């Protein structure tokens, strides 16, 4: 099993506004944004992530947000395929979720956490 980090190391707090592409407003045909919730005990690492080479590079993320099962409170119910474009506010700046990776325990079908790339 992958060991968990101590809770005191997950000392960031974000405001998370979940978007689920399955929940569509019938009047407008756009995804419904759920009410924002404050999420405690997560890890936000800011830094620019590029894709491409030489002069053909583009920014794909400005940071990485990690939610840990059993540590992050409350743990959001994220649908990896349908929660892109969710919003994260960290230290007064709003980011958009561009990529979600579901982290599972090796050799088990047990969720360990989520890794969200934000732009």
N, C-alpha and C. Protein backbone atom coordinates (compact mmCIF):
# COMPACT_ATOMS: atom_id res chain seq x y z
N UNK A 1 0.83 -1.18 0.00
CA UNK A 1 0.00 0.00 0.00
C UNK A 1 0.88 1.25 0.00
N UNK A 2 0.42 2.27 -0.67
CA UNK A 2 1.12 3.55 -0.68
C UNK A 2 0.87 4.22 0.67
N UNK A 3 1.92 4.63 1.37
CA UNK A 3 1.69 5.29 2.66
C UNK A 3 1.06 6.66 2.47
N UNK A 4 0.22 7.04 3.41
CA UNK A 4 -0.39 8.37 3.39
C UNK A 4 0.58 9.38 3.98
N UNK A 5 0.46 10.62 3.50
CA UNK A 5 1.24 11.68 4.11
C UNK A 5 0.56 12.06 5.43
N UNK A 6 1.31 12.60 6.37
CA UNK A 6 0.67 13.08 7.60
C UNK A 6 -0.28 14.24 7.28
N UNK A 7 -1.38 14.30 7.99
CA UNK A 7 -2.40 15.32 7.74
C UNK A 7 -1.83 16.73 7.85
N UNK A 8 -0.88 16.96 8.75
CA UNK A 8 -0.33 18.29 8.94
C UNK A 8 0.47 18.77 7.73
N UNK A 9 0.91 17.86 6.85
CA UNK A 9 1.62 18.26 5.64
C UNK A 9 0.65 18.73 4.54
N UNK A 10 -0.58 18.30 4.62
CA UNK A 10 -1.60 18.75 3.66
C UNK A 10 -2.27 19.98 4.25
N UNK A 11 -1.55 21.11 4.21
CA UNK A 11 -2.00 22.28 4.96
C UNK A 11 -2.59 23.38 4.09
N UNK A 12 -2.90 23.09 2.84
CA UNK A 12 -3.54 24.10 2.00
C UNK A 12 -5.06 23.96 2.06
N UNK A 13 -5.71 25.04 1.66
CA UNK A 13 -7.17 25.10 1.61
C UNK A 13 -7.54 25.73 0.28
N UNK A 14 -8.54 25.16 -0.39
CA UNK A 14 -9.02 25.70 -1.66
C UNK A 14 -10.53 25.80 -1.61
N UNK A 15 -11.06 26.62 -2.50
CA UNK A 15 -12.51 26.65 -2.72
C UNK A 15 -12.72 25.93 -4.04
N UNK A 16 -13.55 24.92 -4.02
CA UNK A 16 -13.75 24.04 -5.17
C UNK A 16 -15.18 24.15 -5.66
N UNK A 17 -15.34 24.45 -6.94
CA UNK A 17 -16.65 24.53 -7.56
C UNK A 17 -16.73 23.43 -8.61
N UNK A 18 -17.37 22.32 -8.22
CA UNK A 18 -17.44 21.14 -9.07
C UNK A 18 -18.35 21.38 -10.27
N UNK A 19 -17.87 20.99 -11.42
CA UNK A 19 -18.68 20.98 -12.64
C UNK A 19 -18.73 19.53 -13.09
N UNK A 20 -19.93 19.02 -13.29
CA UNK A 20 -20.07 17.67 -13.83
C UNK A 20 -20.76 17.80 -15.18
N UNK A 21 -20.04 17.43 -16.24
CA UNK A 21 -20.56 17.59 -17.60
C UNK A 21 -21.86 16.82 -17.83
N UNK A 22 -22.17 15.86 -16.97
CA UNK A 22 -23.42 15.10 -17.09
C UNK A 22 -24.62 15.91 -16.60
N UNK A 23 -24.37 16.83 -15.64
CA UNK A 23 -25.44 17.66 -15.08
C UNK A 23 -25.62 18.88 -15.96
N UNK A 24 -26.56 18.82 -16.88
CA UNK A 24 -26.74 19.89 -17.86
C UNK A 24 -28.03 20.66 -17.57
N UNK A 25 -27.91 21.99 -17.61
CA UNK A 25 -29.06 22.87 -17.45
C UNK A 25 -29.93 22.71 -18.70
N UNK A 26 -31.17 22.21 -18.56
CA UNK A 26 -32.00 21.95 -19.73
C UNK A 26 -32.38 23.22 -20.50
N UNK A 27 -32.35 24.37 -19.83
CA UNK A 27 -32.71 25.62 -20.51
C UNK A 27 -31.62 26.11 -21.43
N UNK A 28 -30.35 25.91 -21.00
CA UNK A 28 -29.24 26.48 -21.75
C UNK A 28 -28.33 25.43 -22.38
N UNK A 29 -28.45 24.18 -21.94
CA UNK A 29 -27.60 23.13 -22.47
C UNK A 29 -26.16 23.21 -21.97
N UNK A 30 -25.92 23.95 -20.90
CA UNK A 30 -24.57 24.09 -20.36
C UNK A 30 -24.47 23.30 -19.05
N UNK A 31 -23.25 22.85 -18.72
CA UNK A 31 -23.07 22.11 -17.46
C UNK A 31 -23.41 22.99 -16.25
N UNK A 32 -24.02 22.38 -15.25
CA UNK A 32 -24.38 23.07 -14.02
C UNK A 32 -23.16 23.12 -13.12
N UNK A 33 -22.86 24.31 -12.61
CA UNK A 33 -21.78 24.45 -11.63
C UNK A 33 -22.40 24.32 -10.25
N UNK A 34 -21.89 23.41 -9.47
CA UNK A 34 -22.40 23.20 -8.12
C UNK A 34 -21.91 24.33 -7.21
N UNK A 35 -22.53 24.47 -6.05
CA UNK A 35 -22.13 25.49 -5.10
C UNK A 35 -20.69 25.27 -4.68
N UNK A 36 -19.93 26.35 -4.51
CA UNK A 36 -18.54 26.19 -4.08
C UNK A 36 -18.45 25.66 -2.65
N UNK A 37 -17.46 24.80 -2.42
CA UNK A 37 -17.21 24.29 -1.08
C UNK A 37 -15.74 24.53 -0.72
N UNK A 38 -15.50 24.78 0.55
CA UNK A 38 -14.14 24.93 1.02
C UNK A 38 -13.59 23.56 1.36
N UNK A 39 -12.44 23.25 0.78
CA UNK A 39 -11.81 21.95 0.99
C UNK A 39 -10.50 22.17 1.75
N UNK A 40 -10.40 21.50 2.89
CA UNK A 40 -9.22 21.60 3.75
C UNK A 40 -8.33 20.38 3.58
N UNK A 41 -7.08 20.52 3.97
CA UNK A 41 -6.11 19.43 3.99
C UNK A 41 -5.88 18.83 2.60
N UNK A 42 -5.47 19.69 1.70
CA UNK A 42 -5.06 19.27 0.37
C UNK A 42 -3.69 19.87 0.10
N UNK A 43 -3.10 19.55 -1.03
CA UNK A 43 -1.79 20.09 -1.38
C UNK A 43 -1.89 20.76 -2.75
N UNK A 44 -1.53 22.04 -2.80
CA UNK A 44 -1.51 22.81 -4.05
C UNK A 44 -0.07 23.19 -4.32
N UNK A 45 0.44 22.76 -5.46
CA UNK A 45 1.80 23.07 -5.89
C UNK A 45 1.72 23.91 -7.15
N UNK A 46 2.09 25.17 -7.06
CA UNK A 46 2.05 26.05 -8.21
C UNK A 46 3.34 25.92 -9.01
N UNK A 47 3.21 25.99 -10.32
CA UNK A 47 4.36 25.90 -11.22
C UNK A 47 3.84 25.71 -12.62
N UNK A 48 4.56 26.21 -13.59
CA UNK A 48 4.10 26.14 -14.98
C UNK A 48 4.52 24.82 -15.60
N UNK A 49 3.55 24.15 -16.23
CA UNK A 49 3.79 22.89 -16.93
C UNK A 49 3.59 23.15 -18.41
N UNK A 50 4.59 22.81 -19.20
CA UNK A 50 4.54 23.03 -20.65
C UNK A 50 4.36 21.70 -21.39
N UNK A 51 3.84 21.80 -22.59
CA UNK A 51 3.78 20.66 -23.50
C UNK A 51 4.38 21.12 -24.82
N UNK A 52 5.10 20.25 -25.48
CA UNK A 52 5.72 20.60 -26.75
C UNK A 52 7.21 20.79 -26.59
N UNK A 53 7.88 21.19 -27.68
CA UNK A 53 9.32 21.36 -27.66
C UNK A 53 9.71 22.67 -28.33
N UNK A 54 10.88 23.17 -27.94
CA UNK A 54 11.48 24.39 -28.51
C UNK A 54 10.48 25.54 -28.58
N UNK A 55 10.26 26.11 -29.76
CA UNK A 55 9.35 27.24 -29.92
C UNK A 55 7.89 26.82 -30.06
N UNK A 56 7.65 25.54 -30.01
CA UNK A 56 6.29 25.02 -30.19
C UNK A 56 5.73 24.52 -28.85
N UNK A 57 6.01 25.26 -27.77
CA UNK A 57 5.53 24.87 -26.45
C UNK A 57 4.31 25.70 -26.07
N UNK A 58 3.43 25.07 -25.30
CA UNK A 58 2.30 25.81 -24.76
C UNK A 58 2.08 25.40 -23.32
N UNK A 59 1.55 26.32 -22.54
CA UNK A 59 1.28 26.06 -21.13
C UNK A 59 0.04 25.18 -21.02
N UNK A 60 0.18 24.06 -20.29
CA UNK A 60 -0.96 23.17 -20.10
C UNK A 60 -1.46 23.19 -18.65
N UNK A 61 -0.64 23.73 -17.73
CA UNK A 61 -1.08 23.82 -16.33
C UNK A 61 -0.24 24.86 -15.60
N UNK A 62 -0.87 25.49 -14.61
CA UNK A 62 -0.18 26.43 -13.73
C UNK A 62 0.01 25.85 -12.33
N UNK A 63 -0.51 24.66 -12.13
CA UNK A 63 -0.36 24.07 -10.81
C UNK A 63 -0.95 22.68 -10.75
N UNK A 64 -0.67 22.04 -9.64
CA UNK A 64 -1.13 20.68 -9.39
C UNK A 64 -1.79 20.65 -8.02
N UNK A 65 -3.01 20.15 -7.96
CA UNK A 65 -3.77 20.06 -6.72
C UNK A 65 -4.00 18.59 -6.41
N UNK A 66 -3.68 18.19 -5.18
CA UNK A 66 -3.84 16.78 -4.81
C UNK A 66 -4.80 16.68 -3.64
N UNK A 67 -5.81 15.82 -3.82
CA UNK A 67 -6.76 15.48 -2.77
C UNK A 67 -6.43 14.06 -2.30
N UNK A 68 -6.39 13.84 -0.99
CA UNK A 68 -6.04 12.54 -0.41
C UNK A 68 -7.24 11.94 0.32
N UNK A 69 -7.59 10.70 0.00
CA UNK A 69 -8.65 10.00 0.71
C UNK A 69 -8.23 9.84 2.17
N UNK A 70 -9.13 10.16 3.07
CA UNK A 70 -8.87 10.02 4.49
C UNK A 70 -8.15 11.21 5.11
N UNK A 71 -7.73 12.16 4.29
CA UNK A 71 -7.03 13.35 4.78
C UNK A 71 -7.78 14.61 4.36
N UNK A 72 -8.06 14.73 3.06
CA UNK A 72 -8.77 15.89 2.54
C UNK A 72 -10.19 15.91 3.09
N UNK A 73 -10.62 17.10 3.53
CA UNK A 73 -11.93 17.20 4.19
C UNK A 73 -12.68 18.45 3.70
N UNK A 74 -13.83 18.27 3.10
CA UNK A 74 -14.44 17.02 2.67
C UNK A 74 -13.81 16.54 1.37
N UNK A 75 -13.81 15.26 1.18
CA UNK A 75 -13.27 14.68 -0.06
C UNK A 75 -14.34 14.82 -1.14
N UNK A 76 -14.04 15.58 -2.22
CA UNK A 76 -15.05 15.76 -3.26
C UNK A 76 -15.28 14.48 -4.06
N UNK A 77 -16.50 14.34 -4.56
CA UNK A 77 -16.87 13.20 -5.39
C UNK A 77 -16.61 13.60 -6.84
N UNK A 78 -15.45 13.23 -7.35
CA UNK A 78 -15.03 13.67 -8.68
C UNK A 78 -15.24 12.56 -9.69
N UNK A 79 -15.84 12.92 -10.80
CA UNK A 79 -15.99 12.01 -11.93
C UNK A 79 -14.87 12.38 -12.91
N UNK A 80 -13.88 11.50 -13.04
CA UNK A 80 -12.68 11.80 -13.81
C UNK A 80 -13.00 12.24 -15.24
N UNK A 81 -13.98 11.62 -15.85
CA UNK A 81 -14.32 11.93 -17.25
C UNK A 81 -15.18 13.18 -17.39
N UNK A 82 -15.93 13.53 -16.36
CA UNK A 82 -16.93 14.59 -16.51
C UNK A 82 -16.72 15.81 -15.62
N UNK A 83 -15.62 15.88 -14.87
CA UNK A 83 -15.41 17.00 -13.95
C UNK A 83 -14.39 18.01 -14.45
N UNK A 84 -13.95 17.88 -15.70
CA UNK A 84 -13.07 18.89 -16.26
C UNK A 84 -13.83 20.21 -16.33
N UNK A 85 -13.11 21.30 -16.28
CA UNK A 85 -13.66 22.66 -16.26
C UNK A 85 -14.21 23.06 -14.89
N UNK A 86 -14.02 22.19 -13.87
CA UNK A 86 -14.35 22.61 -12.51
C UNK A 86 -13.43 23.77 -12.15
N UNK A 87 -13.82 24.55 -11.16
CA UNK A 87 -13.05 25.74 -10.77
C UNK A 87 -12.44 25.55 -9.39
N UNK A 88 -11.21 26.03 -9.24
CA UNK A 88 -10.49 25.99 -7.97
C UNK A 88 -10.00 27.40 -7.67
N UNK A 89 -10.30 27.89 -6.48
CA UNK A 89 -9.77 29.19 -6.06
C UNK A 89 -8.76 28.94 -4.96
N UNK A 90 -7.53 29.43 -5.19
CA UNK A 90 -6.44 29.27 -4.23
C UNK A 90 -5.75 30.61 -4.07
N UNK A 91 -5.66 31.08 -2.84
CA UNK A 91 -5.04 32.36 -2.50
C UNK A 91 -5.57 33.49 -3.38
N UNK A 92 -6.89 33.49 -3.60
CA UNK A 92 -7.55 34.57 -4.33
C UNK A 92 -7.51 34.46 -5.84
N UNK A 93 -6.87 33.45 -6.39
CA UNK A 93 -6.80 33.28 -7.84
C UNK A 93 -7.63 32.07 -8.24
N UNK A 94 -8.47 32.25 -9.28
CA UNK A 94 -9.30 31.15 -9.75
C UNK A 94 -8.59 30.41 -10.89
N UNK A 95 -8.61 29.10 -10.81
CA UNK A 95 -8.02 28.22 -11.81
C UNK A 95 -9.10 27.30 -12.36
N UNK A 96 -8.86 26.77 -13.56
CA UNK A 96 -9.76 25.81 -14.19
C UNK A 96 -9.08 24.46 -14.25
N UNK A 97 -9.79 23.42 -13.88
CA UNK A 97 -9.24 22.06 -13.92
C UNK A 97 -9.16 21.61 -15.38
N UNK A 98 -7.94 21.24 -15.80
CA UNK A 98 -7.72 20.83 -17.20
C UNK A 98 -7.42 19.35 -17.35
N UNK A 99 -7.03 18.70 -16.26
CA UNK A 99 -6.72 17.28 -16.32
C UNK A 99 -6.92 16.68 -14.94
N UNK A 100 -7.48 15.48 -14.89
CA UNK A 100 -7.70 14.79 -13.61
C UNK A 100 -7.13 13.39 -13.71
N UNK A 101 -6.32 13.03 -12.72
CA UNK A 101 -5.78 11.68 -12.64
C UNK A 101 -6.29 11.04 -11.36
N UNK A 102 -6.89 9.88 -11.50
CA UNK A 102 -7.36 9.12 -10.35
C UNK A 102 -6.20 8.27 -9.86
N UNK A 103 -5.87 8.39 -8.59
CA UNK A 103 -4.75 7.65 -8.01
C UNK A 103 -5.30 6.48 -7.20
N UNK A 104 -4.85 5.27 -7.53
CA UNK A 104 -5.33 4.08 -6.83
C UNK A 104 -4.15 3.34 -6.21
N UNK A 105 -4.45 2.59 -5.16
CA UNK A 105 -3.44 1.75 -4.52
C UNK A 105 -2.98 0.69 -5.53
N UNK A 106 -1.68 0.43 -5.62
CA UNK A 106 -1.21 -0.62 -6.52
C UNK A 106 -1.82 -1.97 -6.15
N UNK A 107 -2.22 -2.71 -7.16
CA UNK A 107 -2.80 -4.05 -7.03
C UNK A 107 -4.13 -4.09 -6.28
N UNK A 108 -4.72 -2.92 -6.05
CA UNK A 108 -6.03 -2.85 -5.39
C UNK A 108 -6.91 -1.91 -6.20
N UNK A 109 -8.19 -2.10 -6.12
CA UNK A 109 -9.12 -1.16 -6.76
C UNK A 109 -9.63 -0.21 -5.69
N UNK A 110 -8.67 0.45 -5.00
CA UNK A 110 -9.01 1.33 -3.89
C UNK A 110 -8.45 2.71 -4.16
N UNK A 111 -9.34 3.71 -4.13
CA UNK A 111 -8.94 5.09 -4.41
C UNK A 111 -8.01 5.60 -3.32
N UNK A 112 -6.91 6.22 -3.74
CA UNK A 112 -5.92 6.81 -2.83
C UNK A 112 -6.02 8.33 -2.85
N UNK A 113 -6.42 8.89 -4.03
CA UNK A 113 -6.55 10.32 -4.14
C UNK A 113 -6.78 10.76 -5.57
N UNK A 114 -6.81 12.07 -5.77
CA UNK A 114 -6.96 12.66 -7.11
C UNK A 114 -5.85 13.69 -7.29
N UNK A 115 -5.35 13.77 -8.51
CA UNK A 115 -4.38 14.76 -8.89
C UNK A 115 -5.03 15.61 -9.98
N UNK A 116 -5.19 16.88 -9.73
CA UNK A 116 -5.85 17.79 -10.67
C UNK A 116 -4.85 18.81 -11.20
N UNK A 117 -4.71 18.88 -12.51
CA UNK A 117 -3.91 19.93 -13.11
C UNK A 117 -4.83 21.13 -13.33
N UNK A 118 -4.34 22.32 -12.97
CA UNK A 118 -5.17 23.52 -13.09
C UNK A 118 -4.44 24.55 -13.93
N UNK A 119 -5.23 25.34 -14.63
CA UNK A 119 -4.69 26.39 -15.50
C UNK A 119 -5.41 27.69 -15.20
